[in-house]
């Protein structure tokens, strides 16, 4: 497969770009009618690294133009070529947090601050959206109407707030940069308190710990503190040992889940497990890109695949 690395990267670049609509939004897959801003935020990190900057900028414009009356963003659906607001989203905390991370990646890559300058007010508004969800323990509710504190969401929030700090620093807004930094630190402290030394795991949400038999959310949730570098090395090693013991062939997608969860390849790389990373790239190519599971190969999975390949 790796002799054809360039062809694979080109193919995935073309696949991702083929999902972009004239508005700037991205559909979830080439044959899907869903528009999911959260998964798009994750997917487009790879397009930034492939220097497809204009495509990403068009999406960033779309995102800030489609906030709802509560200051968050919903999923959309294509109906007869029109983008219709579904009125709901899986979460509010992760959508804005991962958008901050995408904007930060784009800004670092392009060294172009013009988009930031033009959108600094809306970015401040997004930060306040996250702030409204953050509680006294530092953790965020998934939505203002769904008061659950998810480990996976909060790992993304901690990263997004760090990136928001960097963006407001670039803008010269010391007050908002400081607020983002303080909120990031509080979120990280809250995440650390979700870890139980007795159970040797993080709570998946609130006080519910994994039983290690179910792939999602039990096992996948435990990878996120590793992926986002939010746990001590000893804890990361313990968690990864438990992940690989529970699902030793996750790199061959033997998880009971039809979706590939390429983020687990990022986890493997963080732990120096390049054998599983290589296996996952091979298996994804055979099973998802060219194989029978192609319908489950969505843009965020393609994005993680590209990230892993670029890191080779």
Protein backbone atom coordinates (compact mmCIF):
# COMPACT_ATOMS: atom_id res chain seq x y z
CA UNK A 1 0.00 0.00 0.00
CA UNK A 2 2.73 2.44 0.90
CA UNK A 3 4.19 2.37 -2.63
CA UNK A 4 0.87 3.93 -3.61
CA UNK A 5 0.97 6.47 -0.76
CA UNK A 6 0.77 9.47 -3.07
CA UNK A 7 -2.22 8.01 -4.93
CA UNK A 8 -4.00 7.30 -1.65
CA UNK A 9 -3.43 10.84 -0.39
CA UNK A 10 -4.61 12.27 -3.70
CA UNK A 11 -7.69 10.07 -3.61
CA UNK A 12 -8.62 11.10 -0.09
CA UNK A 13 -7.99 14.77 -0.85
CA UNK A 14 -10.32 14.48 -3.84
CA UNK A 15 -12.90 12.60 -1.78
CA UNK A 16 -12.94 15.29 0.90
CA UNK A 17 -13.16 18.13 -1.62
CA UNK A 18 -15.95 16.33 -3.48
CA UNK A 19 -18.06 16.59 -0.34
CA UNK A 20 -17.94 20.39 -0.31
CA UNK A 21 -21.07 22.21 -1.41
CA UNK A 22 -21.18 25.59 -3.21
CA UNK A 23 -22.10 27.25 0.11
CA UNK A 24 -18.82 26.12 1.69
CA UNK A 25 -20.43 23.43 3.85
CA UNK A 26 -19.37 19.79 3.61
CA UNK A 27 -21.73 16.87 3.44
CA UNK A 28 -20.86 13.98 5.74
CA UNK A 29 -20.02 11.68 2.84
CA UNK A 30 -20.20 11.80 -0.92
CA UNK A 31 -23.58 10.04 -0.92
CA UNK A 32 -24.90 11.50 2.35
CA UNK A 33 -27.39 14.30 2.75
CA UNK A 34 -26.26 15.23 6.29
CA UNK A 35 -24.13 18.28 7.09
CA UNK A 36 -22.51 17.82 10.50
CA UNK A 37 -20.31 20.77 11.57
CA UNK A 38 -18.58 18.78 14.33
CA UNK A 39 -17.37 16.03 12.02
CA UNK A 40 -16.48 18.65 9.41
CA UNK A 41 -14.30 20.51 11.91
CA UNK A 42 -12.37 17.30 12.56
CA UNK A 43 -12.14 16.36 8.89
CA UNK A 44 -10.80 19.67 7.65
CA UNK A 45 -7.66 19.63 9.79
CA UNK A 46 -6.31 17.29 7.11
CA UNK A 47 -7.23 19.69 4.30
CA UNK A 48 -5.34 22.46 6.08
CA UNK A 49 -2.28 20.19 6.19
CA UNK A 50 -2.78 19.46 2.49
CA UNK A 51 -2.79 23.24 1.94
CA UNK A 52 -6.38 23.36 0.68
CA UNK A 53 -6.73 26.66 2.46
CA UNK A 54 -9.43 28.30 0.36
CA UNK A 55 -11.78 25.35 0.73
CA UNK A 56 -11.35 25.48 4.49
CA UNK A 57 -11.79 29.24 4.62
CA UNK A 58 -15.07 28.93 2.70
CA UNK A 59 -16.27 26.45 5.30
CA UNK A 60 -15.17 28.71 8.17
CA UNK A 61 -17.29 31.47 6.63
CA UNK A 62 -20.24 29.09 6.37
CA UNK A 63 -19.93 28.07 10.02
CA UNK A 64 -20.03 31.57 11.47
CA UNK A 65 -22.91 32.51 9.15
CA UNK A 66 -25.10 29.64 10.37
CA UNK A 67 -25.24 30.10 14.14
CA UNK A 68 -28.66 29.62 15.69
CA UNK A 69 -30.49 32.03 17.97
CA UNK A 70 -28.89 30.41 21.05
CA UNK A 71 -25.40 31.09 19.71
CA UNK A 72 -24.61 27.50 18.74
CA UNK A 73 -24.87 25.63 15.44
CA UNK A 74 -27.16 22.84 14.35
CA UNK A 75 -26.79 20.00 11.91
CA UNK A 76 -28.23 20.55 8.45
CA UNK A 77 -29.75 18.27 5.85
CA UNK A 78 -29.78 18.54 2.07
CA UNK A 79 -33.28 18.38 0.65
CA UNK A 80 -33.69 19.00 -3.08
CA UNK A 81 -30.34 20.78 -3.09
CA UNK A 82 -31.27 23.11 -0.23
CA UNK A 83 -29.52 23.13 3.15
CA UNK A 84 -32.23 22.83 5.79
CA UNK A 85 -31.56 23.41 9.48
CA UNK A 86 -32.53 20.30 11.47
CA UNK A 87 -33.00 22.35 14.62
CA UNK A 88 -30.74 20.08 16.65
CA UNK A 89 -27.14 18.95 17.10
CA UNK A 90 -25.39 16.13 18.96
CA UNK A 91 -23.63 18.63 21.19
CA UNK A 92 -22.88 22.31 21.60
CA UNK A 93 -19.61 22.19 23.53
CA UNK A 94 -17.63 20.08 21.05
CA UNK A 95 -18.93 21.83 17.94
CA UNK A 96 -17.53 25.23 18.95
CA UNK A 97 -14.42 23.76 20.58
CA UNK A 98 -13.39 21.81 17.48
CA UNK A 99 -14.13 24.88 15.34
CA UNK A 100 -11.64 26.89 17.42
CA UNK A 101 -9.09 24.12 16.81
CA UNK A 102 -9.73 24.18 13.07
CA UNK A 103 -9.41 27.97 12.88
CA UNK A 104 -6.19 27.83 14.89
CA UNK A 105 -4.76 25.15 12.58
CA UNK A 106 -5.71 27.21 9.52
CA UNK A 107 -4.24 30.42 10.96
CA UNK A 108 -0.94 28.78 11.92
CA UNK A 109 -0.66 27.13 8.52
CA UNK A 110 -1.51 30.18 6.42
CA UNK A 111 -0.01 32.91 8.64
CA UNK A 112 -3.06 34.88 7.47
CA UNK A 113 -4.76 36.85 10.22
CA UNK A 114 -7.28 38.63 8.00
CA UNK A 115 -10.06 36.11 8.67
CA UNK A 116 -9.44 36.39 12.42
CA UNK A 117 -9.56 40.17 12.31
CA UNK A 118 -12.80 40.13 10.33
CA UNK A 119 -14.43 37.60 12.67
CA UNK A 120 -13.07 38.50 16.10
CA UNK A 121 -16.50 39.49 17.42
CA UNK A 122 -18.10 36.21 16.41
CA UNK A 123 -15.15 34.27 17.87
CA UNK A 124 -15.71 36.08 21.16
CA UNK A 125 -19.37 35.06 20.88
CA UNK A 126 -18.37 31.41 20.36
CA UNK A 127 -16.14 31.54 23.43
CA UNK A 128 -19.06 32.80 25.49
CA UNK A 129 -21.13 29.93 24.10
CA UNK A 130 -18.66 27.47 25.60
CA UNK A 131 -18.48 29.53 28.80
CA UNK A 132 -22.25 29.21 29.29
CA UNK A 133 -21.89 25.43 29.23
CA UNK A 134 -18.92 25.28 31.63
CA UNK A 135 -19.80 24.47 35.23
CA UNK A 136 -18.10 25.13 38.55
CA UNK A 137 -16.12 21.88 38.30
CA UNK A 138 -14.60 23.07 35.02
CA UNK A 139 -16.49 20.59 32.86
CA UNK A 140 -18.97 21.48 30.14
CA UNK A 141 -22.45 20.18 29.58
CA UNK A 142 -22.92 18.66 26.16
CA UNK A 143 -25.81 21.07 25.53
CA UNK A 144 -27.68 23.63 27.58
CA UNK A 145 -30.71 21.35 27.19
CA UNK A 146 -28.73 18.14 27.89
CA UNK A 147 -26.78 18.49 31.10
CA UNK A 148 -24.33 15.62 30.81
CA UNK A 149 -20.56 16.07 31.11
CA UNK A 150 -18.90 13.74 28.62
CA UNK A 151 -15.23 12.85 28.85
CA UNK A 152 -14.77 12.88 25.07
CA UNK A 153 -16.45 16.27 24.67
CA UNK A 154 -14.44 17.81 27.47
CA UNK A 155 -11.14 16.61 26.03
CA UNK A 156 -12.06 18.43 22.82
CA UNK A 157 -13.14 21.47 24.83
CA UNK A 158 -9.81 21.63 26.67
CA UNK A 159 -7.97 21.61 23.33
CA UNK A 160 -10.38 24.10 21.78
CA UNK A 161 -9.98 26.53 24.66
CA UNK A 162 -6.19 26.31 24.40
CA UNK A 163 -6.53 27.10 20.71
CA UNK A 164 -8.93 29.95 21.48
CA UNK A 165 -6.28 31.39 23.80
CA UNK A 166 -3.77 31.33 20.94
CA UNK A 167 -6.22 32.99 18.53
CA UNK A 168 -7.14 35.81 20.90
CA UNK A 169 -3.44 36.31 21.65
CA UNK A 170 -2.80 36.77 17.93
CA UNK A 171 -5.66 39.28 17.86
CA UNK A 172 -4.09 41.18 20.75
CA UNK A 173 -7.13 40.63 22.95
CA UNK A 174 -5.42 39.90 26.26
CA UNK A 175 -8.68 39.74 28.22
CA UNK A 176 -10.27 37.02 26.09
CA UNK A 177 -6.96 35.18 25.75
CA UNK A 178 -6.74 35.07 29.54
CA UNK A 179 -10.34 33.94 29.87
CA UNK A 180 -9.80 31.10 27.40
CA UNK A 181 -6.63 30.06 29.24
CA UNK A 182 -8.33 30.05 32.65
CA UNK A 183 -11.26 28.08 31.28
CA UNK A 184 -8.93 25.58 29.62
CA UNK A 185 -7.08 25.03 32.90
CA UNK A 186 -10.38 24.54 34.75
CA UNK A 187 -11.56 22.03 32.15
CA UNK A 188 -8.30 20.07 32.39
CA UNK A 189 -8.59 20.00 36.18
CA UNK A 190 -12.15 18.72 35.85
CA UNK A 191 -11.02 15.99 33.47
CA UNK A 192 -8.29 14.91 35.87
CA UNK A 193 -10.94 14.49 38.58
CA UNK A 194 -12.88 12.15 36.30
CA UNK A 195 -10.05 9.62 36.69
CA UNK A 196 -10.44 6.91 39.34
CA UNK A 197 -7.30 5.18 40.55
CA UNK A 198 -9.50 2.49 42.06
CA UNK A 199 -11.29 1.73 38.78
CA UNK A 200 -8.19 2.53 36.68
CA UNK A 201 -10.29 4.47 34.19
CA UNK A 202 -11.90 7.82 33.51
CA UNK A 203 -15.62 8.25 33.91
CA UNK A 204 -17.18 8.20 30.44
CA UNK A 205 -19.64 10.80 31.64
CA UNK A 206 -20.58 12.09 35.07
CA UNK A 207 -19.68 9.11 37.35
CA UNK A 208 -20.22 6.25 34.90
CA UNK A 209 -17.08 4.19 34.28
CA UNK A 210 -16.47 1.74 31.42
CA UNK A 211 -16.92 -2.00 31.75
CA UNK A 212 -14.44 -2.61 28.91
CA UNK A 213 -16.74 -4.87 26.90
CA UNK A 214 -18.33 -2.27 24.66
CA UNK A 215 -16.26 -0.48 22.01
CA UNK A 216 -18.21 2.78 22.06
CA UNK A 217 -18.39 4.63 24.33
CA UNK A 218 -16.66 2.47 26.93
CA UNK A 219 -13.30 1.86 25.28
CA UNK A 220 -13.14 4.73 22.79
CA UNK A 221 -13.73 7.27 25.54
CA UNK A 222 -10.59 6.14 27.36
CA UNK A 223 -8.48 6.98 24.31
CA UNK A 224 -9.39 10.67 24.30
CA UNK A 225 -7.24 11.77 27.28
CA UNK A 226 -4.35 10.08 25.44
CA UNK A 227 -5.17 11.63 22.05
CA UNK A 228 -5.41 15.11 23.56
CA UNK A 229 -2.38 14.63 25.84
CA UNK A 230 -4.38 15.20 29.01
CA UNK A 231 -3.10 12.39 31.22
CA UNK A 232 0.19 11.44 32.82
CA UNK A 233 2.38 8.96 30.89
CA UNK A 234 1.80 6.23 33.48
CA UNK A 235 -1.97 6.64 33.20
CA UNK A 236 -1.77 6.69 29.40
CA UNK A 237 0.21 3.44 29.44
CA UNK A 238 -2.27 1.79 31.79
CA UNK A 239 -5.25 2.91 29.70
CA UNK A 240 -3.68 1.79 26.44
CA UNK A 241 -2.86 -1.59 27.93
CA UNK A 242 -6.51 -1.96 28.92
CA UNK A 243 -7.70 -0.80 25.48
CA UNK A 244 -5.51 -3.32 23.65
CA UNK A 245 -6.43 -6.09 26.07
CA UNK A 246 -10.15 -5.45 25.62
CA UNK A 247 -9.93 -5.16 21.81
CA UNK A 248 -6.54 -6.55 20.72
CA UNK A 249 -7.47 -6.36 17.02
CA UNK A 250 -9.04 -2.94 16.90
CA UNK A 251 -6.48 -2.10 14.21
CA UNK A 252 -8.24 -4.69 12.01
CA UNK A 253 -11.61 -3.13 12.95
CA UNK A 254 -12.70 -6.17 14.95
CA UNK A 255 -14.68 -4.05 17.37
CA UNK A 256 -18.31 -4.85 16.65
CA UNK A 257 -18.73 -1.37 15.19
CA UNK A 258 -19.20 -0.76 11.47
CA UNK A 259 -17.51 2.64 11.70
CA UNK A 260 -13.69 2.61 11.67
CA UNK A 261 -12.86 5.08 14.46
CA UNK A 262 -9.60 6.22 12.85
CA UNK A 263 -8.98 8.40 15.90
CA UNK A 264 -7.85 5.18 17.59
CA UNK A 265 -4.93 5.19 15.17
CA UNK A 266 -4.00 8.59 16.57
CA UNK A 267 -4.14 7.05 20.05
CA UNK A 268 -1.87 4.21 18.91
CA UNK A 269 0.60 6.70 17.46
CA UNK A 270 0.64 8.74 20.66
CA UNK A 271 1.60 5.52 22.45
CA UNK A 272 4.34 4.70 19.94
CA UNK A 273 2.43 1.69 18.59
CA UNK A 274 3.35 2.18 14.94
CA UNK A 275 2.61 -1.46 14.14
CA UNK A 276 -1.06 -0.92 14.87
CA UNK A 277 -1.03 2.39 12.99
CA UNK A 278 0.32 0.66 9.88
CA UNK A 279 -2.15 -2.19 10.25
CA UNK A 280 -5.01 0.26 10.61
CA UNK A 281 -4.01 2.18 7.48
CA UNK A 282 -3.76 -1.06 5.48
CA UNK A 283 -7.07 -2.39 6.81
CA UNK A 284 -8.86 0.92 6.23
CA UNK A 285 -7.66 0.98 2.64
CA UNK A 286 -8.81 -2.57 1.96
CA UNK A 287 -12.06 -2.54 3.90
CA UNK A 288 -13.33 1.04 3.81
CA UNK A 289 -11.74 2.96 0.94
CA UNK A 290 -11.95 0.13 -1.61
CA UNK A 291 -13.98 -2.51 0.23
CA UNK A 292 -17.44 -3.42 1.40
CA UNK A 293 -17.60 -0.87 4.21
CA UNK A 294 -17.15 2.14 1.94
CA UNK A 295 -20.58 3.57 2.93
CA UNK A 296 -19.22 4.03 6.45
CA UNK A 297 -16.16 5.98 5.31
CA UNK A 298 -17.18 9.51 6.29
CA UNK A 299 -15.22 12.74 6.04
CA UNK A 300 -13.83 12.74 9.58
CA UNK A 301 -12.53 9.20 9.09
CA UNK A 302 -10.87 10.22 5.82
CA UNK A 303 -9.40 13.22 7.61
CA UNK A 304 -7.84 11.11 10.35
CA UNK A 305 -6.56 8.68 7.71
CA UNK A 306 -4.78 11.56 5.94
CA UNK A 307 -3.36 12.84 9.23
CA UNK A 308 -1.95 9.40 10.01
CA UNK A 309 -0.47 9.05 6.54
CA UNK A 310 1.13 12.48 6.66
CA UNK A 311 2.72 11.51 9.97
CA UNK A 312 4.47 8.49 8.46
